[in-house]
């Protein structure tokens, strides 16, 4: 049973999350090297292929696949 307002998938309760920070030296958590291939939403280590999400990436924005909600009107025939 859950106590109070704690939810099983609360992002604040996840703990430490490794992310790639742009314009900083990022060491790979897998091999410790610093060569990265940076994409739109993730970065991949050039040596061991460990992938990390970008800290600046969001779920909405240029380059992400997002289908906006469009209201559909149906006329009575």
N, C-alpha and C. Protein backbone atom coordinates (compact mmCIF):
# COMPACT_ATOMS: atom_id res chain seq x y z
N UNK A 1 0.84 -1.18 0.00
CA UNK A 1 0.00 0.00 0.00
C UNK A 1 0.89 1.24 0.00
N UNK A 2 0.51 2.23 -0.78
CA UNK A 2 1.28 3.46 -0.86
C UNK A 2 0.92 4.38 0.30
N UNK A 3 1.92 5.11 0.76
CA UNK A 3 1.70 6.03 1.86
C UNK A 3 1.75 7.46 1.35
N UNK A 4 0.82 8.28 1.76
CA UNK A 4 0.82 9.68 1.38
C UNK A 4 0.67 9.88 -0.11
N UNK A 5 1.48 10.80 -0.68
CA UNK A 5 1.43 11.13 -2.10
C UNK A 5 2.55 10.48 -2.89
N UNK A 6 3.16 9.43 -2.40
CA UNK A 6 4.23 8.76 -3.15
C UNK A 6 3.63 7.82 -4.18
N UNK A 7 4.15 7.94 -5.41
CA UNK A 7 3.68 7.12 -6.50
C UNK A 7 4.81 6.18 -6.93
N UNK A 8 4.49 5.03 -7.49
CA UNK A 8 5.55 4.08 -7.84
C UNK A 8 6.52 4.59 -8.91
N UNK A 9 6.11 5.52 -9.76
CA UNK A 9 6.99 6.02 -10.81
C UNK A 9 7.24 7.51 -10.67
N UNK A 10 7.45 7.96 -9.45
CA UNK A 10 7.71 9.37 -9.18
C UNK A 10 9.13 9.71 -9.63
N UNK A 11 9.32 10.63 -10.61
CA UNK A 11 10.67 10.95 -11.07
C UNK A 11 11.59 11.47 -9.97
N UNK A 12 11.06 12.14 -8.98
CA UNK A 12 11.89 12.66 -7.89
C UNK A 12 12.47 11.54 -7.04
N UNK A 13 11.86 10.37 -7.06
CA UNK A 13 12.32 9.25 -6.24
C UNK A 13 13.24 8.30 -7.01
N UNK A 14 13.56 8.60 -8.28
CA UNK A 14 14.38 7.71 -9.09
C UNK A 14 15.83 7.68 -8.66
N UNK A 15 16.32 8.75 -8.09
CA UNK A 15 17.72 8.80 -7.71
C UNK A 15 18.58 9.39 -8.82
N UNK A 16 19.85 9.01 -8.85
CA UNK A 16 20.83 9.54 -9.79
C UNK A 16 20.55 9.03 -11.20
N UNK A 17 20.52 9.93 -12.16
CA UNK A 17 20.28 9.58 -13.56
C UNK A 17 21.42 10.16 -14.40
N UNK A 18 22.17 9.30 -15.08
CA UNK A 18 23.29 9.73 -15.90
C UNK A 18 22.76 10.32 -17.20
N UNK A 19 23.16 11.55 -17.51
CA UNK A 19 22.76 12.22 -18.75
C UNK A 19 23.99 12.89 -19.36
N UNK A 20 23.92 13.18 -20.65
CA UNK A 20 24.99 13.86 -21.37
C UNK A 20 24.73 15.36 -21.29
N UNK A 21 25.72 16.12 -20.81
CA UNK A 21 25.61 17.57 -20.71
C UNK A 21 26.43 18.22 -21.83
N UNK A 22 25.76 19.04 -22.63
CA UNK A 22 26.42 19.70 -23.74
C UNK A 22 27.42 20.73 -23.22
N UNK A 23 28.51 20.93 -23.95
CA UNK A 23 29.58 21.87 -23.63
C UNK A 23 30.29 21.56 -22.32
N UNK A 24 30.33 20.30 -21.93
CA UNK A 24 31.07 19.85 -20.75
C UNK A 24 31.82 18.57 -21.12
N UNK A 25 32.83 18.23 -20.32
CA UNK A 25 33.54 16.98 -20.52
C UNK A 25 32.69 15.88 -19.90
N UNK A 26 32.26 14.93 -20.71
CA UNK A 26 31.41 13.83 -20.26
C UNK A 26 32.18 12.53 -20.36
N UNK A 27 32.41 11.89 -19.23
CA UNK A 27 33.08 10.59 -19.21
C UNK A 27 32.02 9.50 -19.32
N UNK A 28 32.29 8.53 -20.15
CA UNK A 28 31.36 7.41 -20.35
C UNK A 28 31.28 6.57 -19.08
N UNK A 29 30.07 6.24 -18.63
CA UNK A 29 29.95 5.38 -17.45
C UNK A 29 30.37 3.94 -17.72
N UNK A 30 30.47 3.55 -19.00
CA UNK A 30 30.86 2.19 -19.34
C UNK A 30 32.36 1.99 -19.44
N UNK A 31 33.05 2.93 -20.12
CA UNK A 31 34.50 2.74 -20.34
C UNK A 31 35.35 3.90 -19.83
N UNK A 32 34.74 5.04 -19.50
CA UNK A 32 35.48 6.17 -18.95
C UNK A 32 36.07 7.11 -19.97
N UNK A 33 35.90 6.83 -21.26
CA UNK A 33 36.46 7.70 -22.30
C UNK A 33 35.52 8.87 -22.57
N UNK A 34 35.98 9.82 -23.40
CA UNK A 34 35.23 11.06 -23.58
C UNK A 34 34.86 11.37 -25.03
N UNK A 35 34.86 10.39 -25.93
CA UNK A 35 34.50 10.63 -27.33
C UNK A 35 33.04 10.24 -27.53
N UNK A 36 32.21 11.19 -27.99
CA UNK A 36 30.77 10.97 -28.11
C UNK A 36 30.27 11.32 -29.51
N UNK A 37 29.28 10.58 -29.97
CA UNK A 37 28.50 10.93 -31.16
C UNK A 37 27.18 11.47 -30.64
N UNK A 38 26.93 12.74 -30.87
CA UNK A 38 25.76 13.41 -30.30
C UNK A 38 24.67 13.52 -31.35
N UNK A 39 23.48 13.07 -31.00
CA UNK A 39 22.32 13.17 -31.87
C UNK A 39 21.33 14.19 -31.36
N UNK A 40 20.09 14.04 -31.74
CA UNK A 40 19.05 14.98 -31.32
C UNK A 40 18.57 14.76 -29.91
N UNK A 41 18.46 13.51 -29.50
CA UNK A 41 17.93 13.22 -28.16
C UNK A 41 18.85 12.36 -27.32
N UNK A 42 19.95 11.84 -27.93
CA UNK A 42 20.86 11.01 -27.15
C UNK A 42 22.29 11.16 -27.66
N UNK A 43 23.23 10.72 -26.85
CA UNK A 43 24.65 10.70 -27.21
C UNK A 43 25.16 9.28 -27.02
N UNK A 44 26.02 8.83 -27.95
CA UNK A 44 26.54 7.47 -27.90
C UNK A 44 28.06 7.51 -27.80
N UNK A 45 28.61 6.72 -26.90
CA UNK A 45 30.05 6.63 -26.73
C UNK A 45 30.68 6.09 -28.01
N UNK A 46 31.77 6.69 -28.46
CA UNK A 46 32.43 6.28 -29.67
C UNK A 46 33.22 4.99 -29.53
N UNK A 47 33.43 4.51 -28.31
CA UNK A 47 34.23 3.31 -28.10
C UNK A 47 33.40 2.10 -27.71
N UNK A 48 32.51 2.27 -26.72
CA UNK A 48 31.76 1.10 -26.23
C UNK A 48 30.27 1.15 -26.57
N UNK A 49 29.82 2.21 -27.25
CA UNK A 49 28.43 2.37 -27.70
C UNK A 49 27.41 2.52 -26.58
N UNK A 50 27.85 2.96 -25.40
CA UNK A 50 26.90 3.26 -24.33
C UNK A 50 26.12 4.52 -24.73
N UNK A 51 24.81 4.48 -24.63
CA UNK A 51 23.97 5.61 -25.01
C UNK A 51 23.44 6.32 -23.77
N UNK A 52 23.46 7.65 -23.81
CA UNK A 52 22.93 8.48 -22.72
C UNK A 52 21.94 9.48 -23.30
N UNK A 53 20.88 9.79 -22.57
CA UNK A 53 19.98 10.84 -23.02
C UNK A 53 20.62 12.21 -22.85
N UNK A 54 20.26 13.16 -23.70
CA UNK A 54 20.76 14.52 -23.56
C UNK A 54 20.02 15.23 -22.44
N UNK A 55 20.74 15.98 -21.63
CA UNK A 55 20.11 16.72 -20.53
C UNK A 55 19.20 17.81 -21.07
N UNK A 56 19.54 18.38 -22.22
CA UNK A 56 18.77 19.49 -22.78
C UNK A 56 17.61 19.03 -23.65
N UNK A 57 17.53 17.74 -23.97
CA UNK A 57 16.48 17.23 -24.84
C UNK A 57 15.15 17.18 -24.10
N UNK A 58 14.10 17.51 -24.80
CA UNK A 58 12.76 17.44 -24.22
C UNK A 58 11.89 16.55 -25.09
N UNK A 59 10.74 16.22 -24.61
CA UNK A 59 9.83 15.38 -25.38
C UNK A 59 9.13 16.15 -26.49
N UNK A 60 9.19 17.46 -26.46
CA UNK A 60 8.59 18.29 -27.50
C UNK A 60 9.64 19.27 -28.01
N UNK A 61 9.66 19.49 -29.31
CA UNK A 61 10.60 20.43 -29.87
C UNK A 61 10.98 20.04 -31.27
N UNK A 62 11.89 20.79 -31.85
CA UNK A 62 12.33 20.54 -33.21
C UNK A 62 13.08 19.22 -33.25
N UNK A 63 12.71 18.37 -34.17
CA UNK A 63 13.39 17.10 -34.36
C UNK A 63 12.76 15.93 -33.65
N UNK A 64 11.78 16.16 -32.80
CA UNK A 64 11.11 15.05 -32.14
C UNK A 64 9.82 14.74 -32.88
N UNK A 65 9.40 13.51 -32.80
CA UNK A 65 8.16 13.11 -33.45
C UNK A 65 7.00 13.36 -32.51
N UNK A 66 6.21 14.34 -32.82
CA UNK A 66 5.08 14.70 -31.97
C UNK A 66 3.87 14.96 -32.84
N UNK A 67 2.80 14.29 -32.53
CA UNK A 67 1.56 14.54 -33.24
C UNK A 67 0.66 15.37 -32.34
N UNK A 68 0.42 16.58 -32.75
CA UNK A 68 -0.43 17.46 -31.97
C UNK A 68 -1.88 17.03 -31.99
N UNK A 69 -2.60 17.40 -30.99
CA UNK A 69 -4.02 17.06 -30.91
C UNK A 69 -4.79 17.97 -31.85
N UNK A 70 -5.63 17.39 -32.67
CA UNK A 70 -6.46 18.15 -33.57
C UNK A 70 -7.90 17.72 -33.39
N UNK A 71 -8.75 18.66 -33.06
CA UNK A 71 -10.15 18.36 -32.81
C UNK A 71 -10.86 18.01 -34.11
N UNK A 72 -11.64 16.94 -34.09
CA UNK A 72 -12.35 16.48 -35.28
C UNK A 72 -13.83 16.80 -35.11
N UNK A 73 -14.40 17.47 -36.11
CA UNK A 73 -15.82 17.80 -36.08
C UNK A 73 -16.55 16.90 -37.07
N UNK A 74 -17.63 16.29 -36.64
CA UNK A 74 -18.41 15.43 -37.51
C UNK A 74 -19.77 16.09 -37.72
N UNK A 75 -20.09 16.36 -38.99
CA UNK A 75 -21.38 16.96 -39.31
C UNK A 75 -22.43 15.87 -39.49
N UNK A 76 -23.63 16.13 -38.99
CA UNK A 76 -24.72 15.17 -39.18
C UNK A 76 -25.19 15.23 -40.64
N UNK A 77 -25.26 14.11 -41.29
CA UNK A 77 -25.63 14.09 -42.73
C UNK A 77 -27.12 14.00 -42.91
